[in-house]
Structure formats: C-alpha cells, structure tokens
C-alpha cells in the first residue's frame, strides 16, 4: 500500500521497477495531486465544491486504486559520494523533500531527507565538514532508508 508507505516514511519514496532499477519517485504531493482534481487550482475558492463532496471522494478513491506509475514523478536521484550542494540543488529544483540514492546499477539504496541535508549543511557551515564534499552514505546518522518496491505498472497506490 503506497499511501501507507509514504505516510510511514514521512517523505517521498523511490519506486523500483520489476528489474529493481529506479522507475520514479512517489510522495505526498503526488498522491494529493492524484486525489484532488487539478481544476481546483483555477477556482477562486474551492469551498464551493463542498456540495459535491461525494463526487470528490469517489475521484480520490479511484485515484488510489490506480497504479503507482500513474502518480509518480520521473526518477531523479543521488549517487553515494555526491556533493551536499548537488543534493540541495536537486531538492530545490525538483521541489522534493527527499531524494533517492541509487547504486551503480540504478537500484534504490536509500533516501536522503531534506531535514538531514539541512543538518549536514549546517555542520559544513560550522566548519566541521566541506559543503562541496561527498555526502555521507544514506545509512549513516540522520538517514532514513526506505523503498517502495513493486512493478511499475501493477502496484496500486492504495
């Protein structure tokens, strides 16, 4: 159940294809976007839709029954040893609160969360490490290693 995994992790998770390679990223915003119709953003006040709450609930339920591959973002990842500034740049550019770390074969090996990256950058600014140096391994202190594994066309985002 993808929703439960994202909720438990507290951040976006890598989605692995059947061959184990990174296929995409699935986060809370991706699930929210799937559950809430996009036309709401263009309304002056979406509160007017409260009268149609049953239809919105049905749309959200249907979205959660569709394959994860319909909701996930394209793969963006770090590799062990990437610089802290590279990780920060990717997070900011992609609007993510976590980035997967992949091994040499492109398989998810872990997650670097934004909060851990902030801690690492603060340490670098305090003079305890270089901000442009290699990023610690994803299983080191302050790391949350999680994976959302399943085939990229059959796993449901329920």
Protein backbone atom coordinates (compact mmCIF):
# COMPACT_ATOMS: atom_id res chain seq x y z
CA UNK A 1 0.00 0.00 0.00
CA UNK A 2 1.85 3.06 -1.30
CA UNK A 3 -0.07 5.62 0.77
CA UNK A 4 0.78 3.78 3.99
CA UNK A 5 4.45 3.56 3.00
CA UNK A 6 4.71 7.25 2.14
CA UNK A 7 2.91 8.13 5.38
CA UNK A 8 5.18 5.89 7.47
CA UNK A 9 8.33 7.24 5.83
CA UNK A 10 7.23 10.86 6.15
CA UNK A 11 8.79 11.68 2.79
CA UNK A 12 8.79 10.80 -0.89
CA UNK A 13 9.92 7.27 -1.70
CA UNK A 14 11.69 5.70 -4.65
CA UNK A 15 9.61 3.35 -6.79
CA UNK A 16 11.51 0.41 -8.20
CA UNK A 17 10.60 -1.26 -11.49
CA UNK A 18 10.36 -5.05 -11.78
CA UNK A 19 14.09 -5.17 -12.62
CA UNK A 20 14.92 -3.33 -9.38
CA UNK A 21 16.04 -0.09 -11.04
CA UNK A 22 14.63 3.29 -10.04
CA UNK A 23 11.44 3.94 -12.01
CA UNK A 24 10.25 7.10 -10.27
CA UNK A 25 9.52 8.91 -7.03
CA UNK A 26 6.21 8.93 -5.17
CA UNK A 27 5.47 11.46 -2.46
CA UNK A 28 2.63 13.05 -0.56
CA UNK A 29 2.20 15.82 -3.12
CA UNK A 30 2.00 13.29 -5.95
CA UNK A 31 -0.75 11.39 -4.14
CA UNK A 32 -2.55 14.61 -3.24
CA UNK A 33 -2.41 15.72 -6.87
CA UNK A 34 -3.87 12.40 -7.95
CA UNK A 35 -6.69 12.58 -5.42
CA UNK A 36 -7.71 16.21 -5.88
CA UNK A 37 -8.82 17.31 -9.36
CA UNK A 38 -6.39 19.72 -11.00
CA UNK A 39 -9.16 22.14 -11.93
CA UNK A 40 -9.44 23.14 -8.25
CA UNK A 41 -6.31 25.28 -8.63
CA UNK A 42 -8.12 27.52 -11.12
CA UNK A 43 -11.16 28.18 -8.94
CA UNK A 44 -11.34 31.42 -6.97
CA UNK A 45 -12.47 29.47 -3.90
CA UNK A 46 -12.66 25.66 -3.94
CA UNK A 47 -15.07 25.74 -0.99
CA UNK A 48 -17.93 25.94 -3.48
CA UNK A 49 -17.25 22.27 -4.24
CA UNK A 50 -18.30 21.20 -0.74
CA UNK A 51 -21.72 20.43 -2.19
CA UNK A 52 -20.07 17.84 -4.45
CA UNK A 53 -18.06 16.14 -1.71
CA UNK A 54 -19.30 12.61 -2.58
CA UNK A 55 -18.02 13.01 -6.15
CA UNK A 56 -14.65 14.26 -4.87
CA UNK A 57 -14.44 11.28 -2.50
CA UNK A 58 -15.17 8.89 -5.37
CA UNK A 59 -12.48 10.53 -7.52
CA UNK A 60 -9.94 10.24 -4.68
CA UNK A 61 -10.84 6.57 -4.12
CA UNK A 62 -10.42 5.81 -7.83
CA UNK A 63 -7.07 7.61 -7.89
CA UNK A 64 -5.77 5.47 -5.04
CA UNK A 65 -6.77 2.31 -6.88
CA UNK A 66 -4.73 3.18 -9.98
CA UNK A 67 -1.13 2.00 -10.47
CA UNK A 68 1.66 3.92 -8.72
CA UNK A 69 3.21 4.56 -12.14
CA UNK A 70 0.31 6.93 -12.95
CA UNK A 71 1.14 9.16 -9.99
CA UNK A 72 4.91 9.04 -9.57
CA UNK A 73 7.42 11.63 -10.74
CA UNK A 74 10.19 10.77 -13.18
CA UNK A 75 13.31 9.42 -11.50
CA UNK A 76 15.78 11.92 -10.06
CA UNK A 77 18.47 10.50 -7.81
CA UNK A 78 21.72 10.94 -5.97
CA UNK A 79 24.66 8.58 -6.01
CA UNK A 80 26.84 7.82 -2.99
CA UNK A 81 29.54 10.45 -2.79
CA UNK A 82 27.53 13.25 -4.45
CA UNK A 83 28.28 16.70 -3.03
CA UNK A 84 25.94 18.24 -0.46
CA UNK A 85 25.39 21.28 -2.69
CA UNK A 86 24.40 18.98 -5.57
CA UNK A 87 21.84 17.26 -3.34
CA UNK A 88 20.48 20.62 -2.15
CA UNK A 89 20.27 21.92 -5.72
CA UNK A 90 18.33 18.84 -6.89
CA UNK A 91 15.89 19.05 -3.98
CA UNK A 92 15.21 22.71 -4.57
CA UNK A 93 14.98 22.43 -8.36
CA UNK A 94 12.68 19.38 -8.25
CA UNK A 95 10.58 20.56 -5.29
CA UNK A 96 11.25 17.39 -3.30
CA UNK A 97 11.69 16.86 0.43
CA UNK A 98 13.68 13.68 -0.13
CA UNK A 99 15.83 12.18 -2.87
CA UNK A 100 16.58 8.54 -3.53
CA UNK A 101 20.16 7.35 -3.53
CA UNK A 102 20.86 4.71 -6.19
CA UNK A 103 23.68 2.21 -6.50
CA UNK A 104 25.87 1.74 -9.60
CA UNK A 105 23.12 -0.32 -11.28
CA UNK A 106 20.47 2.34 -10.67
CA UNK A 107 18.72 0.41 -7.89
CA UNK A 108 17.33 2.38 -4.92
CA UNK A 109 19.72 2.09 -1.99
CA UNK A 110 18.17 4.66 0.34
CA UNK A 111 16.74 8.11 0.86
CA UNK A 112 18.33 11.43 1.81
CA UNK A 113 15.73 13.60 3.50
CA UNK A 114 15.83 17.40 3.37
CA UNK A 115 15.98 17.67 7.15
CA UNK A 116 19.13 15.51 7.21
CA UNK A 117 20.64 17.56 4.40
CA UNK A 118 19.97 20.77 6.36
CA UNK A 119 21.79 19.23 9.33
CA UNK A 120 24.72 18.22 7.11
CA UNK A 121 24.93 21.68 5.51
CA UNK A 122 24.75 23.35 8.92
CA UNK A 123 27.63 21.16 10.08
CA UNK A 124 29.61 22.16 6.97
CA UNK A 125 28.87 25.86 7.58
CA UNK A 126 30.01 25.46 11.19
CA UNK A 127 33.36 24.30 9.83
CA UNK A 128 33.02 20.62 10.65
CA UNK A 129 32.96 19.44 7.02
CA UNK A 130 33.04 20.73 3.43
CA UNK A 131 29.69 21.62 1.83
CA UNK A 132 31.03 20.62 -1.57
CA UNK A 133 32.47 17.34 -0.32
CA UNK A 134 30.94 13.92 -0.59
CA UNK A 135 27.61 13.29 1.01
CA UNK A 136 27.64 10.65 3.76
CA UNK A 137 26.22 7.23 2.96
CA UNK A 138 22.42 7.09 3.12
CA UNK A 139 22.50 4.66 6.03
CA UNK A 140 24.63 6.91 8.24
CA UNK A 141 23.36 9.07 11.10
CA UNK A 142 20.17 11.04 10.39
CA UNK A 143 19.30 8.91 7.36
CA UNK A 144 16.00 7.21 6.71
CA UNK A 145 16.34 4.29 4.33
CA UNK A 146 13.04 3.24 2.78
CA UNK A 147 11.84 1.85 -0.51
CA UNK A 148 8.53 1.49 -2.21
CA UNK A 149 9.11 -1.65 -4.25
CA UNK A 150 6.80 -3.12 -6.86
CA UNK A 151 6.45 -3.45 -10.58
CA UNK A 152 5.96 -0.08 -12.20
CA UNK A 153 2.63 -0.91 -13.83
CA UNK A 154 0.83 -3.16 -11.37
CA UNK A 155 1.42 -1.76 -7.89
CA UNK A 156 -1.58 0.17 -6.67
CA UNK A 157 -1.24 3.50 -4.86
CA UNK A 158 -3.75 2.48 -2.22
